[in-house]
Amino acid sequence: MPALTEIFGDDSVLQFGGGTLGHPWGNAPGAVANRVALEACVQARNEGRDLAREACEVWKAIKFEFEPVDKLDK
């Protein structure tokens, strides 16, 4: 969503489908989640933050260290 706000700006219409309709709490909470996420992206942009860069930094720090539960028996 940060890329969409950067590309299209404030004067745009965004369409959301399966993620909204498939929200586990229903369609209305899915729409609310989209609205909250979009407003957060616009606010961050207006504050001069670069969410794409920040996200990459977060993902660099994430470590997936777990034992798989579906190992093949050898």
N, C-alpha and C. Protein backbone atom coordinates (compact mmCIF):
# COMPACT_ATOMS: atom_id res chain seq x y z
N MET A 1 0.79 -1.19 0.00
CA MET A 1 0.00 0.00 0.00
C MET A 1 0.85 1.28 0.00
N PRO A 2 2.01 1.29 0.65
CA PRO A 2 2.84 2.50 0.56
C PRO A 2 3.21 2.84 -0.88
N ALA A 3 3.47 1.83 -1.69
CA ALA A 3 3.81 2.09 -3.10
C ALA A 3 2.62 2.69 -3.84
N LEU A 4 1.42 2.23 -3.54
CA LEU A 4 0.24 2.76 -4.21
C LEU A 4 0.03 4.23 -3.88
N THR A 5 0.21 4.59 -2.61
CA THR A 5 0.04 6.00 -2.24
C THR A 5 1.13 6.86 -2.86
N GLU A 6 2.31 6.29 -3.03
CA GLU A 6 3.41 7.03 -3.66
C GLU A 6 3.14 7.23 -5.15
N ILE A 7 2.65 6.19 -5.81
CA ILE A 7 2.43 6.25 -7.26
C ILE A 7 1.21 7.11 -7.60
N PHE A 8 0.09 6.85 -6.93
CA PHE A 8 -1.18 7.48 -7.32
C PHE A 8 -1.54 8.73 -6.51
N GLY A 9 -0.88 8.93 -5.38
CA GLY A 9 -1.18 10.11 -4.57
C GLY A 9 -2.52 10.01 -3.85
N ASP A 10 -3.03 11.17 -3.46
CA ASP A 10 -4.27 11.21 -2.68
C ASP A 10 -5.52 11.16 -3.54
N ASP A 11 -5.41 11.54 -4.79
CA ASP A 11 -6.57 11.60 -5.67
C ASP A 11 -6.67 10.32 -6.48
N SER A 12 -7.05 9.24 -5.80
CA SER A 12 -7.13 7.94 -6.46
C SER A 12 -8.20 7.09 -5.81
N VAL A 13 -8.59 6.06 -6.52
CA VAL A 13 -9.54 5.09 -6.00
C VAL A 13 -8.84 3.74 -5.99
N LEU A 14 -8.79 3.11 -4.84
CA LEU A 14 -8.15 1.80 -4.71
C LEU A 14 -9.22 0.74 -4.52
N GLN A 15 -9.09 -0.36 -5.22
CA GLN A 15 -10.05 -1.45 -5.10
C GLN A 15 -9.40 -2.61 -4.35
N PHE A 16 -10.13 -3.15 -3.39
CA PHE A 16 -9.64 -4.28 -2.62
C PHE A 16 -10.64 -5.42 -2.79
N GLY A 17 -10.13 -6.64 -2.89
CA GLY A 17 -11.00 -7.77 -3.15
C GLY A 17 -10.95 -8.83 -2.08
N GLY A 18 -10.25 -9.92 -2.40
CA GLY A 18 -10.24 -11.11 -1.56
C GLY A 18 -9.77 -10.89 -0.14
N GLY A 19 -8.81 -10.00 0.05
CA GLY A 19 -8.33 -9.75 1.40
C GLY A 19 -9.40 -9.11 2.27
N THR A 20 -10.22 -8.28 1.66
CA THR A 20 -11.31 -7.63 2.39
C THR A 20 -12.45 -8.61 2.62
N LEU A 21 -12.86 -9.27 1.56
CA LEU A 21 -14.00 -10.19 1.66
C LEU A 21 -13.66 -11.44 2.45
N GLY A 22 -12.39 -11.80 2.49
CA GLY A 22 -11.98 -13.00 3.21
C GLY A 22 -11.54 -12.75 4.64
N HIS A 23 -11.74 -11.53 5.13
CA HIS A 23 -11.33 -11.22 6.51
C HIS A 23 -12.06 -12.16 7.47
N PRO A 24 -11.35 -12.73 8.45
CA PRO A 24 -11.98 -13.72 9.34
C PRO A 24 -13.15 -13.17 10.15
N TRP A 25 -13.22 -11.86 10.34
CA TRP A 25 -14.33 -11.29 11.11
C TRP A 25 -15.43 -10.73 10.22
N GLY A 26 -15.28 -10.88 8.90
CA GLY A 26 -16.32 -10.42 7.99
C GLY A 26 -15.87 -9.29 7.08
N ASN A 27 -16.79 -8.90 6.19
CA ASN A 27 -16.48 -7.89 5.18
C ASN A 27 -16.24 -6.51 5.78
N ALA A 28 -17.09 -6.10 6.71
CA ALA A 28 -16.96 -4.76 7.29
C ALA A 28 -15.63 -4.59 8.04
N PRO A 29 -15.24 -5.53 8.89
CA PRO A 29 -13.92 -5.39 9.52
C PRO A 29 -12.78 -5.42 8.50
N GLY A 30 -12.95 -6.16 7.40
CA GLY A 30 -11.94 -6.16 6.35
C GLY A 30 -11.81 -4.79 5.71
N ALA A 31 -12.95 -4.13 5.48
CA ALA A 31 -12.93 -2.78 4.91
C ALA A 31 -12.30 -1.80 5.89
N VAL A 32 -12.61 -1.95 7.17
CA VAL A 32 -12.02 -1.08 8.19
C VAL A 32 -10.50 -1.27 8.23
N ALA A 33 -10.05 -2.51 8.15
CA ALA A 33 -8.61 -2.79 8.17
C ALA A 33 -7.91 -2.13 6.99
N ASN A 34 -8.54 -2.18 5.81
CA ASN A 34 -7.96 -1.51 4.63
C ASN A 34 -7.89 0.00 4.84
N ARG A 35 -8.95 0.56 5.39
CA ARG A 35 -8.99 2.01 5.60
C ARG A 35 -7.92 2.45 6.60
N VAL A 36 -7.80 1.70 7.70
CA VAL A 36 -6.80 2.03 8.72
C VAL A 36 -5.39 1.93 8.14
N ALA A 37 -5.13 0.88 7.37
CA ALA A 37 -3.81 0.71 6.76
C ALA A 37 -3.51 1.85 5.79
N LEU A 38 -4.49 2.23 4.98
CA LEU A 38 -4.29 3.32 4.02
C LEU A 38 -4.03 4.64 4.74
N GLU A 39 -4.81 4.92 5.78
CA GLU A 39 -4.61 6.16 6.53
C GLU A 39 -3.23 6.19 7.20
N ALA A 40 -2.78 5.05 7.69
CA ALA A 40 -1.44 4.97 8.30
C ALA A 40 -0.36 5.24 7.26
N CYS A 41 -0.53 4.71 6.05
CA CYS A 41 0.45 4.95 4.98
C CYS A 41 0.49 6.42 4.59
N VAL A 42 -0.68 7.04 4.48
CA VAL A 42 -0.73 8.46 4.12
C VAL A 42 -0.11 9.31 5.22
N GLN A 43 -0.41 9.00 6.48
CA GLN A 43 0.17 9.75 7.59
C GLN A 43 1.69 9.61 7.60
N ALA A 44 2.19 8.39 7.41
CA ALA A 44 3.64 8.17 7.39
C ALA A 44 4.29 8.95 6.25
N ARG A 45 3.66 8.93 5.08
CA ARG A 45 4.18 9.68 3.94
C ARG A 45 4.23 11.17 4.25
N ASN A 46 3.16 11.68 4.87
CA ASN A 46 3.10 13.11 5.20
C ASN A 46 4.13 13.50 6.25
N GLU A 47 4.55 12.54 7.07
CA GLU A 47 5.59 12.79 8.07
C GLU A 47 6.99 12.64 7.48
N GLY A 48 7.07 12.28 6.19
CA GLY A 48 8.36 12.16 5.53
C GLY A 48 9.02 10.81 5.71
N ARG A 49 8.28 9.82 6.19
CA ARG A 49 8.85 8.50 6.39
C ARG A 49 8.83 7.71 5.09
N ASP A 50 9.77 6.79 4.95
CA ASP A 50 9.86 5.90 3.79
C ASP A 50 9.52 4.49 4.27
N LEU A 51 8.24 4.12 4.16
CA LEU A 51 7.80 2.84 4.70
C LEU A 51 8.43 1.65 3.98
N ALA A 52 8.71 1.77 2.71
CA ALA A 52 9.33 0.66 1.98
C ALA A 52 10.72 0.37 2.55
N ARG A 53 11.50 1.42 2.80
CA ARG A 53 12.84 1.24 3.37
C ARG A 53 12.74 0.71 4.79
N GLU A 54 11.82 1.27 5.58
CA GLU A 54 11.66 0.81 6.96
C GLU A 54 11.27 -0.67 7.00
N ALA A 55 10.39 -1.07 6.10
CA ALA A 55 9.96 -2.47 6.06
C ALA A 55 11.13 -3.39 5.73
N CYS A 56 11.97 -2.98 4.80
CA CYS A 56 13.14 -3.80 4.45
C CYS A 56 14.07 -3.96 5.65
N GLU A 57 14.22 -2.91 6.44
CA GLU A 57 15.06 -3.00 7.64
C GLU A 57 14.47 -3.98 8.64
N VAL A 58 13.16 -3.95 8.80
CA VAL A 58 12.50 -4.89 9.73
C VAL A 58 12.70 -6.32 9.25
N TRP A 59 12.50 -6.55 7.95
CA TRP A 59 12.63 -7.90 7.43
C TRP A 59 14.06 -8.42 7.51
N LYS A 60 15.04 -7.53 7.45
CA LYS A 60 16.44 -7.96 7.60
C LYS A 60 16.68 -8.52 8.99
N ALA A 61 15.99 -7.98 9.98
CA ALA A 61 16.22 -8.39 11.37
C ALA A 61 15.44 -9.65 11.76
N ILE A 62 14.47 -10.03 10.96
CA ILE A 62 13.63 -11.19 11.31
C ILE A 62 14.39 -12.48 11.04
N LYS A 63 14.33 -13.37 12.01
CA LYS A 63 14.95 -14.69 11.84
C LYS A 63 13.87 -15.75 12.03
N PHE A 64 13.83 -16.68 11.13
CA PHE A 64 12.89 -17.78 11.22
C PHE A 64 13.67 -19.00 11.71
N GLU A 65 13.72 -19.15 13.01
CA GLU A 65 14.47 -20.25 13.61
C GLU A 65 13.49 -21.15 14.35
N PHE A 66 13.06 -22.19 13.69
CA PHE A 66 12.13 -23.12 14.30
C PHE A 66 12.35 -24.50 13.72
N GLU A 67 11.93 -25.48 14.43
CA GLU A 67 12.00 -26.86 13.95
C GLU A 67 10.69 -27.19 13.25
N PRO A 68 10.76 -27.60 12.01
CA PRO A 68 9.52 -27.97 11.32
C PRO A 68 8.85 -29.16 11.99
N VAL A 69 7.54 -29.15 12.01
CA VAL A 69 6.79 -30.23 12.65
C VAL A 69 6.44 -31.34 11.66
N ASP A 70 6.68 -31.12 10.40
CA ASP A 70 6.31 -32.11 9.39
C ASP A 70 7.54 -32.71 8.71
N LYS A 71 8.57 -33.02 9.49
CA LYS A 71 9.80 -33.61 8.93
C LYS A 71 9.52 -35.02 8.42
N LEU A 72 10.23 -35.36 7.37
CA LEU A 72 10.13 -36.72 6.85
C LEU A 72 10.95 -37.65 7.74
N ASP A 73 10.39 -38.81 8.02
CA ASP A 73 11.14 -39.81 8.80
C ASP A 73 12.18 -40.45 7.90
N LYS A 74 13.41 -40.58 8.41
CA LYS A 74 14.47 -41.19 7.60
C LYS A 74 14.98 -42.42 8.26
